[in-house]
N, C-alpha and C. Protein backbone atom coordinates (compact mmCIF):
# COMPACT_ATOMS: atom_id res chain seq x y z
N MET A 1 0.84 -1.17 0.00
CA MET A 1 0.00 0.00 0.00
C MET A 1 0.89 1.23 0.00
N THR A 2 0.33 2.31 -0.45
CA THR A 2 1.12 3.52 -0.62
C THR A 2 1.19 4.35 0.65
N GLU A 3 2.26 5.14 0.69
CA GLU A 3 2.45 6.03 1.83
C GLU A 3 1.39 7.12 1.83
N ALA A 4 0.99 7.57 0.65
CA ALA A 4 -0.03 8.62 0.54
C ALA A 4 -1.37 8.14 1.10
N SER A 5 -1.73 6.89 0.80
CA SER A 5 -3.01 6.38 1.31
C SER A 5 -2.95 6.23 2.83
N PHE A 6 -1.78 5.89 3.37
CA PHE A 6 -1.64 5.79 4.82
C PHE A 6 -1.76 7.17 5.45
N GLU A 7 -1.16 8.19 4.83
CA GLU A 7 -1.27 9.55 5.36
C GLU A 7 -2.72 10.02 5.35
N GLU A 8 -3.48 9.64 4.32
CA GLU A 8 -4.90 9.98 4.27
C GLU A 8 -5.65 9.29 5.42
N PHE A 9 -5.29 8.03 5.64
CA PHE A 9 -5.91 7.29 6.74
C PHE A 9 -5.61 7.96 8.08
N ILE A 10 -4.37 8.35 8.28
CA ILE A 10 -3.97 9.02 9.53
C ILE A 10 -4.77 10.30 9.72
N ALA A 11 -4.84 11.11 8.67
CA ALA A 11 -5.57 12.39 8.76
C ALA A 11 -7.04 12.16 9.10
N ALA A 12 -7.61 11.11 8.56
CA ALA A 12 -9.04 10.85 8.78
C ALA A 12 -9.31 10.21 10.14
N SER A 13 -8.41 9.36 10.61
CA SER A 13 -8.71 8.58 11.82
C SER A 13 -8.09 9.10 13.11
N GLN A 14 -7.03 9.86 13.03
CA GLN A 14 -6.34 10.27 14.25
C GLN A 14 -7.22 11.07 15.21
N PRO A 15 -8.03 12.02 14.75
CA PRO A 15 -8.87 12.75 15.72
C PRO A 15 -9.83 11.85 16.49
N ARG A 16 -10.46 10.90 15.80
CA ARG A 16 -11.39 9.99 16.49
C ARG A 16 -10.66 9.04 17.43
N LEU A 17 -9.51 8.55 16.99
CA LEU A 17 -8.74 7.65 17.86
C LEU A 17 -8.25 8.40 19.10
N THR A 18 -7.83 9.64 18.91
CA THR A 18 -7.38 10.44 20.05
C THR A 18 -8.53 10.68 21.02
N ALA A 19 -9.70 11.01 20.48
CA ALA A 19 -10.87 11.23 21.34
C ALA A 19 -11.23 9.95 22.10
N LEU A 20 -11.20 8.82 21.42
CA LEU A 20 -11.50 7.54 22.08
C LEU A 20 -10.46 7.25 23.15
N ALA A 21 -9.20 7.42 22.83
CA ALA A 21 -8.13 7.13 23.80
C ALA A 21 -8.25 8.03 25.03
N ARG A 22 -8.56 9.29 24.83
CA ARG A 22 -8.69 10.20 25.97
C ARG A 22 -9.95 9.90 26.78
N SER A 23 -10.94 9.31 26.15
CA SER A 23 -12.16 8.95 26.88
C SER A 23 -11.96 7.74 27.78
N ILE A 24 -11.17 6.79 27.33
CA ILE A 24 -11.01 5.56 28.11
C ILE A 24 -9.76 5.57 28.99
N SER A 25 -8.87 6.51 28.75
CA SER A 25 -7.63 6.56 29.53
C SER A 25 -7.75 7.58 30.65
N ARG A 26 -6.97 7.42 31.67
CA ARG A 26 -7.01 8.34 32.81
C ARG A 26 -6.12 9.56 32.59
N GLU A 27 -5.16 9.48 31.70
CA GLU A 27 -4.21 10.57 31.51
C GLU A 27 -4.09 10.90 30.03
N THR A 28 -3.95 12.20 29.76
CA THR A 28 -3.82 12.67 28.38
C THR A 28 -2.56 12.12 27.73
N ALA A 29 -1.45 12.13 28.46
CA ALA A 29 -0.19 11.65 27.90
C ALA A 29 -0.28 10.16 27.57
N ALA A 30 -0.91 9.39 28.44
CA ALA A 30 -1.08 7.96 28.19
C ALA A 30 -1.96 7.73 26.96
N ALA A 31 -2.98 8.56 26.81
CA ALA A 31 -3.86 8.45 25.65
C ALA A 31 -3.10 8.74 24.37
N ASP A 32 -2.28 9.78 24.39
CA ASP A 32 -1.48 10.12 23.21
C ASP A 32 -0.49 9.01 22.88
N ASP A 33 0.08 8.39 23.91
CA ASP A 33 0.98 7.26 23.69
C ASP A 33 0.25 6.07 23.06
N LEU A 34 -0.98 5.84 23.51
CA LEU A 34 -1.79 4.76 22.92
C LEU A 34 -1.99 5.00 21.43
N VAL A 35 -2.38 6.21 21.08
CA VAL A 35 -2.64 6.54 19.67
C VAL A 35 -1.36 6.38 18.86
N GLN A 36 -0.24 6.86 19.39
CA GLN A 36 1.03 6.75 18.68
C GLN A 36 1.39 5.28 18.45
N GLY A 37 1.22 4.46 19.47
CA GLY A 37 1.52 3.04 19.33
C GLY A 37 0.63 2.36 18.30
N VAL A 38 -0.63 2.74 18.27
CA VAL A 38 -1.55 2.17 17.28
C VAL A 38 -1.16 2.61 15.87
N MET A 39 -0.75 3.86 15.72
CA MET A 39 -0.35 4.34 14.40
C MET A 39 0.90 3.60 13.91
N GLU A 40 1.84 3.33 14.82
CA GLU A 40 3.02 2.54 14.45
C GLU A 40 2.61 1.13 14.03
N GLN A 41 1.71 0.53 14.79
CA GLN A 41 1.22 -0.80 14.46
C GLN A 41 0.50 -0.79 13.11
N MET A 42 -0.29 0.25 12.87
CA MET A 42 -1.02 0.35 11.61
C MET A 42 -0.06 0.48 10.43
N TRP A 43 1.04 1.21 10.60
CA TRP A 43 2.00 1.37 9.52
C TRP A 43 2.60 0.02 9.13
N ILE A 44 2.92 -0.80 10.12
CA ILE A 44 3.47 -2.13 9.84
C ILE A 44 2.44 -2.98 9.10
N VAL A 45 1.21 -2.97 9.58
CA VAL A 45 0.14 -3.74 8.94
C VAL A 45 -0.13 -3.20 7.54
N TRP A 46 -0.10 -1.88 7.39
CA TRP A 46 -0.40 -1.23 6.11
C TRP A 46 0.61 -1.64 5.04
N GLN A 47 1.87 -1.76 5.43
CA GLN A 47 2.91 -2.13 4.47
C GLN A 47 2.75 -3.56 3.99
N LYS A 48 2.28 -4.43 4.88
CA LYS A 48 2.10 -5.83 4.50
C LYS A 48 0.86 -5.98 3.63
N ASP A 49 -0.27 -5.61 4.20
CA ASP A 49 -1.54 -5.72 3.48
C ASP A 49 -2.56 -4.87 4.22
N ARG A 50 -3.15 -3.94 3.52
CA ARG A 50 -4.10 -3.01 4.14
C ARG A 50 -5.30 -3.79 4.68
N PRO A 51 -5.69 -3.52 5.95
CA PRO A 51 -6.86 -4.19 6.51
C PRO A 51 -8.13 -3.83 5.73
N VAL A 52 -9.10 -4.72 5.74
CA VAL A 52 -10.36 -4.49 5.04
C VAL A 52 -11.03 -3.22 5.57
N ASN A 53 -11.12 -3.09 6.88
CA ASN A 53 -11.69 -1.90 7.50
C ASN A 53 -10.64 -1.32 8.45
N PRO A 54 -9.77 -0.45 7.95
CA PRO A 54 -8.67 0.04 8.78
C PRO A 54 -9.11 0.83 10.00
N HIS A 55 -10.23 1.55 9.91
CA HIS A 55 -10.69 2.33 11.06
C HIS A 55 -11.12 1.40 12.20
N SER A 56 -11.82 0.34 11.86
CA SER A 56 -12.24 -0.63 12.86
C SER A 56 -11.02 -1.36 13.45
N TYR A 57 -10.09 -1.70 12.58
CA TYR A 57 -8.87 -2.37 13.02
C TYR A 57 -8.10 -1.50 14.01
N ALA A 58 -7.97 -0.21 13.68
CA ALA A 58 -7.24 0.72 14.55
C ALA A 58 -7.96 0.89 15.89
N ARG A 59 -9.28 1.00 15.85
CA ARG A 59 -10.06 1.17 17.08
C ARG A 59 -9.89 -0.07 17.97
N THR A 60 -9.97 -1.25 17.37
CA THR A 60 -9.79 -2.49 18.13
C THR A 60 -8.39 -2.55 18.72
N ALA A 61 -7.38 -2.20 17.93
CA ALA A 61 -6.00 -2.21 18.41
C ALA A 61 -5.83 -1.24 19.58
N LEU A 62 -6.46 -0.08 19.50
CA LEU A 62 -6.35 0.92 20.56
C LEU A 62 -6.97 0.40 21.86
N VAL A 63 -8.16 -0.16 21.77
CA VAL A 63 -8.82 -0.67 22.97
C VAL A 63 -8.01 -1.81 23.58
N ARG A 64 -7.50 -2.69 22.76
CA ARG A 64 -6.72 -3.82 23.28
C ARG A 64 -5.41 -3.35 23.91
N ARG A 65 -4.77 -2.36 23.30
CA ARG A 65 -3.56 -1.80 23.89
C ARG A 65 -3.87 -1.17 25.25
N HIS A 66 -5.00 -0.48 25.31
CA HIS A 66 -5.40 0.15 26.58
C HIS A 66 -5.62 -0.91 27.66
N ILE A 67 -6.33 -1.98 27.31
CA ILE A 67 -6.58 -3.05 28.28
C ILE A 67 -5.26 -3.65 28.75
N SER A 68 -4.35 -3.89 27.82
CA SER A 68 -3.04 -4.45 28.19
C SER A 68 -2.27 -3.50 29.10
N SER A 69 -2.30 -2.21 28.79
CA SER A 69 -1.58 -1.25 29.63
C SER A 69 -2.20 -1.17 31.02
N GLN A 70 -3.53 -1.30 31.11
CA GLN A 70 -4.20 -1.29 32.41
C GLN A 70 -3.79 -2.51 33.23
N ARG A 71 -3.69 -3.64 32.58
CA ARG A 71 -3.27 -4.85 33.30
C ARG A 71 -1.84 -4.71 33.82
N ARG A 72 -0.96 -4.17 32.96
CA ARG A 72 0.43 -3.97 33.39
C ARG A 72 0.49 -2.98 34.55
N ALA A 73 -0.26 -1.90 34.45
CA ALA A 73 -0.26 -0.87 35.50
C ALA A 73 -0.81 -1.44 36.80
N HIS A 74 -1.85 -2.27 36.70
CA HIS A 74 -2.43 -2.88 37.90
C HIS A 74 -1.41 -3.77 38.59
N ARG A 75 -0.69 -4.56 37.80
CA ARG A 75 0.34 -5.43 38.37
C ARG A 75 1.45 -4.61 39.03
N ARG A 76 1.82 -3.51 38.38
CA ARG A 76 2.85 -2.63 38.93
C ARG A 76 2.40 -2.02 40.26
N ARG A 77 1.13 -1.57 40.32
CA ARG A 77 0.60 -0.98 41.55
C ARG A 77 0.59 -2.00 42.68
N GLU A 78 0.26 -3.26 42.34
CA GLU A 78 0.26 -4.30 43.37
C GLU A 78 1.66 -4.50 43.93
N VAL A 79 2.64 -4.51 43.05
CA VAL A 79 4.02 -4.72 43.48
C VAL A 79 4.51 -3.53 44.30
N LEU A 80 4.18 -2.32 43.86
CA LEU A 80 4.66 -1.12 44.54
C LEU A 80 3.79 -0.72 45.72
N GLY A 81 2.60 -1.32 45.86
CA GLY A 81 1.71 -0.99 46.96
C GLY A 81 1.05 0.36 46.81
N MET A 82 0.78 0.78 45.59
CA MET A 82 0.15 2.07 45.35
C MET A 82 -1.36 1.93 45.39
N ASP A 83 -2.04 3.04 45.72
CA ASP A 83 -3.50 3.08 45.73
C ASP A 83 -3.99 3.44 44.33
N PRO A 84 -4.78 2.58 43.66
CA PRO A 84 -5.22 2.87 42.30
C PRO A 84 -6.18 4.05 42.20
N THR A 85 -6.70 4.53 43.32
CA THR A 85 -7.62 5.67 43.25
C THR A 85 -6.90 7.01 43.30
N ASP A 86 -5.58 7.00 43.48
CA ASP A 86 -4.81 8.24 43.48
C ASP A 86 -4.60 8.71 42.05
N VAL A 87 -5.56 9.44 41.54
CA VAL A 87 -5.50 9.93 40.16
C VAL A 87 -5.42 11.45 40.21
N PRO A 88 -4.44 12.04 39.54
CA PRO A 88 -4.36 13.49 39.57
C PRO A 88 -5.53 14.13 38.83
N ALA A 89 -5.98 15.26 39.35
CA ALA A 89 -7.06 16.00 38.70
C ALA A 89 -6.50 16.75 37.50
N PRO A 90 -7.35 17.10 36.53
CA PRO A 90 -6.87 17.88 35.39
C PRO A 90 -6.26 19.19 35.89
N SER A 91 -5.11 19.57 35.31
CA SER A 91 -4.42 20.75 35.81
C SER A 91 -5.04 22.05 35.32
N SER A 92 -5.53 22.07 34.10
CA SER A 92 -6.13 23.30 33.60
C SER A 92 -7.63 23.14 33.53
N PHE A 93 -8.33 24.15 33.99
CA PHE A 93 -9.79 24.08 34.03
C PHE A 93 -10.36 25.37 33.48
N ASP A 94 -11.07 25.27 32.38
CA ASP A 94 -11.66 26.42 31.74
C ASP A 94 -13.17 26.35 31.95
N ALA A 95 -13.78 27.45 32.31
CA ALA A 95 -15.22 27.47 32.59
C ALA A 95 -16.03 27.02 31.38
N ALA A 96 -15.57 27.32 30.18
CA ALA A 96 -16.31 26.95 28.97
C ALA A 96 -16.34 25.44 28.77
N THR A 97 -15.40 24.73 29.34
CA THR A 97 -15.36 23.27 29.16
C THR A 97 -15.66 22.53 30.46
N SER A 98 -16.28 23.20 31.40
CA SER A 98 -16.51 22.57 32.71
C SER A 98 -17.39 21.32 32.61
N ASP A 99 -18.42 21.36 31.77
CA ASP A 99 -19.28 20.18 31.63
C ASP A 99 -18.49 18.99 31.09
N ARG A 100 -17.65 19.25 30.10
CA ARG A 100 -16.85 18.18 29.52
C ARG A 100 -15.90 17.60 30.57
N TRP A 101 -15.24 18.47 31.34
CA TRP A 101 -14.33 18.00 32.37
C TRP A 101 -15.06 17.24 33.46
N MET A 102 -16.27 17.69 33.78
CA MET A 102 -17.06 16.97 34.79
C MET A 102 -17.38 15.56 34.30
N LEU A 103 -17.72 15.45 33.01
CA LEU A 103 -18.02 14.14 32.44
C LEU A 103 -16.76 13.27 32.40
N VAL A 104 -15.64 13.85 31.98
CA VAL A 104 -14.38 13.10 31.94
C VAL A 104 -14.01 12.63 33.34
N ASP A 105 -14.16 13.51 34.32
CA ASP A 105 -13.86 13.13 35.71
C ASP A 105 -14.79 12.02 36.18
N ALA A 106 -16.07 12.12 35.82
CA ALA A 106 -17.03 11.08 36.20
C ALA A 106 -16.67 9.76 35.54
N LEU A 107 -16.27 9.80 34.27
CA LEU A 107 -15.86 8.58 33.58
C LEU A 107 -14.63 7.96 34.24
N ARG A 108 -13.72 8.79 34.71
CA ARG A 108 -12.51 8.28 35.38
C ARG A 108 -12.85 7.56 36.68
N ARG A 109 -13.96 7.90 37.29
CA ARG A 109 -14.35 7.26 38.55
C ARG A 109 -14.96 5.88 38.33
N LEU A 110 -15.35 5.58 37.10
CA LEU A 110 -15.92 4.26 36.81
C LEU A 110 -14.82 3.21 36.81
N PRO A 111 -15.16 1.98 37.15
CA PRO A 111 -14.19 0.90 37.00
C PRO A 111 -13.80 0.79 35.52
N PRO A 112 -12.58 0.33 35.23
CA PRO A 112 -12.10 0.32 33.84
C PRO A 112 -13.04 -0.35 32.85
N ARG A 113 -13.59 -1.50 33.18
CA ARG A 113 -14.45 -2.19 32.21
C ARG A 113 -15.73 -1.41 31.95
N GLN A 114 -16.34 -0.85 32.99
CA GLN A 114 -17.55 -0.04 32.80
C GLN A 114 -17.23 1.18 31.94
N ARG A 115 -16.09 1.82 32.20
CA ARG A 115 -15.70 2.99 31.43
C ARG A 115 -15.53 2.63 29.95
N GLU A 116 -14.86 1.52 29.68
CA GLU A 116 -14.65 1.10 28.30
C GLU A 116 -15.98 0.84 27.60
N VAL A 117 -16.87 0.13 28.27
CA VAL A 117 -18.17 -0.19 27.67
C VAL A 117 -18.98 1.08 27.43
N VAL A 118 -19.04 1.97 28.41
CA VAL A 118 -19.82 3.21 28.26
C VAL A 118 -19.27 4.05 27.11
N VAL A 119 -17.96 4.20 27.04
CA VAL A 119 -17.36 5.02 25.98
C VAL A 119 -17.62 4.40 24.62
N LEU A 120 -17.37 3.11 24.49
CA LEU A 120 -17.57 2.46 23.19
C LEU A 120 -19.04 2.44 22.79
N ARG A 121 -19.90 2.18 23.73
CA ARG A 121 -21.33 2.05 23.43
C ARG A 121 -21.99 3.40 23.14
N TYR A 122 -21.72 4.40 23.96
CA TYR A 122 -22.45 5.66 23.86
C TYR A 122 -21.67 6.80 23.20
N PHE A 123 -20.35 6.77 23.28
CA PHE A 123 -19.58 7.84 22.65
C PHE A 123 -19.11 7.44 21.26
N GLU A 124 -18.78 6.16 21.08
CA GLU A 124 -18.36 5.67 19.77
C GLU A 124 -19.53 5.08 18.99
N ASP A 125 -20.70 5.01 19.59
CA ASP A 125 -21.92 4.53 18.94
C ASP A 125 -21.81 3.12 18.38
N LEU A 126 -21.11 2.25 19.09
CA LEU A 126 -21.01 0.86 18.65
C LEU A 126 -22.21 0.08 19.18
N THR A 127 -22.59 -0.96 18.47
CA THR A 127 -23.68 -1.80 18.92
C THR A 127 -23.19 -2.69 20.07
N ILE A 128 -24.13 -3.30 20.76
CA ILE A 128 -23.78 -4.21 21.86
C ILE A 128 -22.90 -5.34 21.33
N GLU A 129 -23.26 -5.87 20.19
CA GLU A 129 -22.49 -6.96 19.59
C GLU A 129 -21.06 -6.51 19.25
N GLU A 130 -20.91 -5.31 18.69
CA GLU A 130 -19.58 -4.80 18.34
C GLU A 130 -18.72 -4.59 19.58
N VAL A 131 -19.32 -4.05 20.64
CA VAL A 131 -18.57 -3.84 21.89
C VAL A 131 -18.15 -5.18 22.47
N ALA A 132 -19.06 -6.15 22.45
CA ALA A 132 -18.74 -7.48 22.98
C ALA A 132 -17.58 -8.11 22.21
N ASP A 133 -17.63 -8.03 20.88
CA ASP A 133 -16.55 -8.58 20.07
C ASP A 133 -15.23 -7.86 20.32
N LEU A 134 -15.30 -6.55 20.41
CA LEU A 134 -14.10 -5.74 20.60
C LEU A 134 -13.42 -6.02 21.93
N LEU A 135 -14.21 -6.17 22.99
CA LEU A 135 -13.65 -6.39 24.33
C LEU A 135 -13.50 -7.86 24.69
N GLY A 136 -14.05 -8.73 23.85
CA GLY A 136 -13.94 -10.16 24.13
C GLY A 136 -14.79 -10.61 25.31
N ILE A 137 -15.97 -10.00 25.47
CA ILE A 137 -16.89 -10.38 26.54
C ILE A 137 -18.25 -10.68 25.93
N SER A 138 -19.15 -11.24 26.71
CA SER A 138 -20.47 -11.59 26.19
C SER A 138 -21.34 -10.34 26.03
N GLN A 139 -22.39 -10.47 25.24
CA GLN A 139 -23.32 -9.35 25.06
C GLN A 139 -24.03 -9.03 26.37
N GLY A 140 -24.33 -10.04 27.15
CA GLY A 140 -24.96 -9.81 28.45
C GLY A 140 -24.05 -9.00 29.38
N ALA A 141 -22.75 -9.30 29.32
CA ALA A 141 -21.80 -8.53 30.13
C ALA A 141 -21.74 -7.08 29.67
N VAL A 142 -21.82 -6.86 28.37
CA VAL A 142 -21.83 -5.49 27.84
C VAL A 142 -23.05 -4.75 28.38
N LYS A 143 -24.21 -5.40 28.33
CA LYS A 143 -25.44 -4.77 28.82
C LYS A 143 -25.33 -4.45 30.31
N ARG A 144 -24.79 -5.39 31.07
CA ARG A 144 -24.65 -5.20 32.51
C ARG A 144 -23.69 -4.04 32.83
N HIS A 145 -22.53 -4.03 32.16
CA HIS A 145 -21.56 -2.96 32.40
C HIS A 145 -22.11 -1.61 31.95
N ALA A 146 -22.83 -1.59 30.84
CA ALA A 146 -23.41 -0.33 30.36
C ALA A 146 -24.46 0.18 31.35
N HIS A 147 -25.32 -0.71 31.81
CA HIS A 147 -26.37 -0.31 32.75
C HIS A 147 -25.77 0.22 34.05
N ARG A 148 -24.83 -0.53 34.60
CA ARG A 148 -24.22 -0.11 35.87
C ARG A 148 -23.38 1.16 35.70
N GLY A 149 -22.70 1.26 34.57
CA GLY A 149 -21.89 2.45 34.32
C GLY A 149 -22.73 3.70 34.18
N VAL A 150 -23.82 3.62 33.43
CA VAL A 150 -24.71 4.78 33.26
C VAL A 150 -25.36 5.14 34.59
N ALA A 151 -25.77 4.13 35.35
CA ALA A 151 -26.38 4.41 36.66
C ALA A 151 -25.38 5.10 37.58
N ARG A 152 -24.15 4.65 37.56
CA ARG A 152 -23.12 5.29 38.41
C ARG A 152 -22.83 6.70 37.93
N LEU A 153 -22.79 6.91 36.61
CA LEU A 153 -22.58 8.27 36.09
C LEU A 153 -23.70 9.20 36.54
N ARG A 154 -24.94 8.71 36.52
CA ARG A 154 -26.07 9.53 36.98
C ARG A 154 -25.89 9.92 38.44
N THR A 155 -25.44 8.97 39.24
CA THR A 155 -25.22 9.25 40.66
C THR A 155 -24.10 10.27 40.84
N ILE A 156 -23.02 10.08 40.12
CA ILE A 156 -21.87 10.98 40.24
C ILE A 156 -22.22 12.39 39.77
N LEU A 157 -22.95 12.47 38.66
CA LEU A 157 -23.24 13.77 38.05
C LEU A 157 -24.50 14.44 38.59
N ALA A 158 -25.24 13.75 39.45
CA ALA A 158 -26.48 14.33 39.99
C ALA A 158 -26.15 15.55 40.84
N PRO A 159 -26.96 16.61 40.71
CA PRO A 159 -26.71 17.79 41.54
C PRO A 159 -26.97 17.45 43.01
N ALA A 160 -26.23 18.10 43.86
CA ALA A 160 -26.41 17.88 45.30
C ALA A 160 -27.77 18.42 45.71
N PRO A 161 -28.49 17.72 46.59
CA PRO A 161 -29.81 18.21 47.01
C PRO A 161 -29.67 19.53 47.75
N ALA A 162 -30.68 20.38 47.56
CA ALA A 162 -30.68 21.68 48.24
C ALA A 162 -30.89 21.46 49.73
N PRO A 163 -30.19 22.22 50.55
CA PRO A 163 -30.36 22.05 51.99
C PRO A 163 -31.76 22.46 52.42
N THR A 164 -32.34 21.70 53.32
CA THR A 164 -33.68 22.03 53.81
C THR A 164 -33.56 22.99 54.97
N PRO A 165 -34.46 23.97 55.04
CA PRO A 165 -34.37 24.93 56.15
C PRO A 165 -34.71 24.23 57.46
N ALA A 166 -34.10 24.71 58.52
CA ALA A 166 -34.34 24.15 59.85
C ALA A 166 -35.75 24.52 60.29
N PRO A 167 -36.45 23.60 60.95
CA PRO A 167 -37.81 23.91 61.40
C PRO A 167 -37.77 25.00 62.47
N GLU A 168 -38.81 25.82 62.45
CA GLU A 168 -38.87 26.91 63.42
C GLU A 168 -39.19 26.33 64.79
N SER A 169 -38.72 27.02 65.78
CA SER A 169 -38.97 26.61 67.15
C SER A 169 -40.44 26.85 67.48
N ARG A 170 -41.06 25.93 68.21
CA ARG A 170 -42.48 26.06 68.55
C ARG A 170 -42.73 27.19 69.53
N SER A 171 -41.77 27.48 70.37
CA SER A 171 -41.98 28.52 71.38
C SER A 171 -42.09 29.89 70.74
N ALA A 172 -41.56 30.05 69.54
CA ALA A 172 -41.64 31.34 68.87
C ALA A 172 -43.00 31.53 68.21
N SER A 173 -43.77 30.49 68.10
CA SER A 173 -45.07 30.58 67.44
C SER A 173 -46.08 31.22 68.38
N PRO A 174 -46.92 32.16 67.89
CA PRO A 174 -47.87 32.85 68.75
C PRO A 174 -48.88 31.91 69.40
N GLN A 175 -49.24 30.83 68.77
CA GLN A 175 -50.27 29.96 69.32
C GLN A 175 -49.81 29.19 70.55
N PHE A 176 -48.51 29.13 70.79
CA PHE A 176 -48.00 28.39 71.94
C PHE A 176 -47.48 29.30 73.04
N ARG A 177 -47.69 30.58 72.94
CA ARG A 177 -47.21 31.48 73.99
C ARG A 177 -48.17 31.44 75.19
N PHE A 178 -47.55 31.44 76.30
CA PHE A 178 -48.35 31.48 77.53
C PHE A 178 -48.20 32.86 78.16
N SER A 179 -49.32 33.43 78.59
CA SER A 179 -49.23 34.73 79.25
C SER A 179 -49.26 34.52 80.76
N PRO A 180 -48.52 35.31 81.48
CA PRO A 180 -48.45 35.15 82.93
C PRO A 180 -49.65 35.69 83.65
């Protein structure tokens, strides 16, 4: 395959792959590394024989790389005794993108499998069958993870209830005053 056709593929697919990687990854730098690794892998595959559906192939490769990196990181945390919930907050926060950052933060709070399913199902618009094939799990598991993930997102993103006013003291009410 030609280098020009690969460059066209990169131009067309890199924004979506980057968005997907940033949605399922906890860190921007890690997401960018995922995309770079997939592009390197795609170049090798492209030189041998172009995949039938290169966009799908790249998306699958990205998700699988992410899963592998999560497994490696989990093993490393176990060895080092680190807490997996210690995730740094985004350093820059712009008011215009607050909703997006709130959603990204909420997605980061989901367990990895729920996050992957929610992102692939609702942000990448894949069918249940496609998500199941991509992640190597059953369709029932996809439905369960999607349901639980969306329910948890609703809980995380729900506005805090308004505080209720304290009840007035009965002694201050005119009907309970006693005259001497």
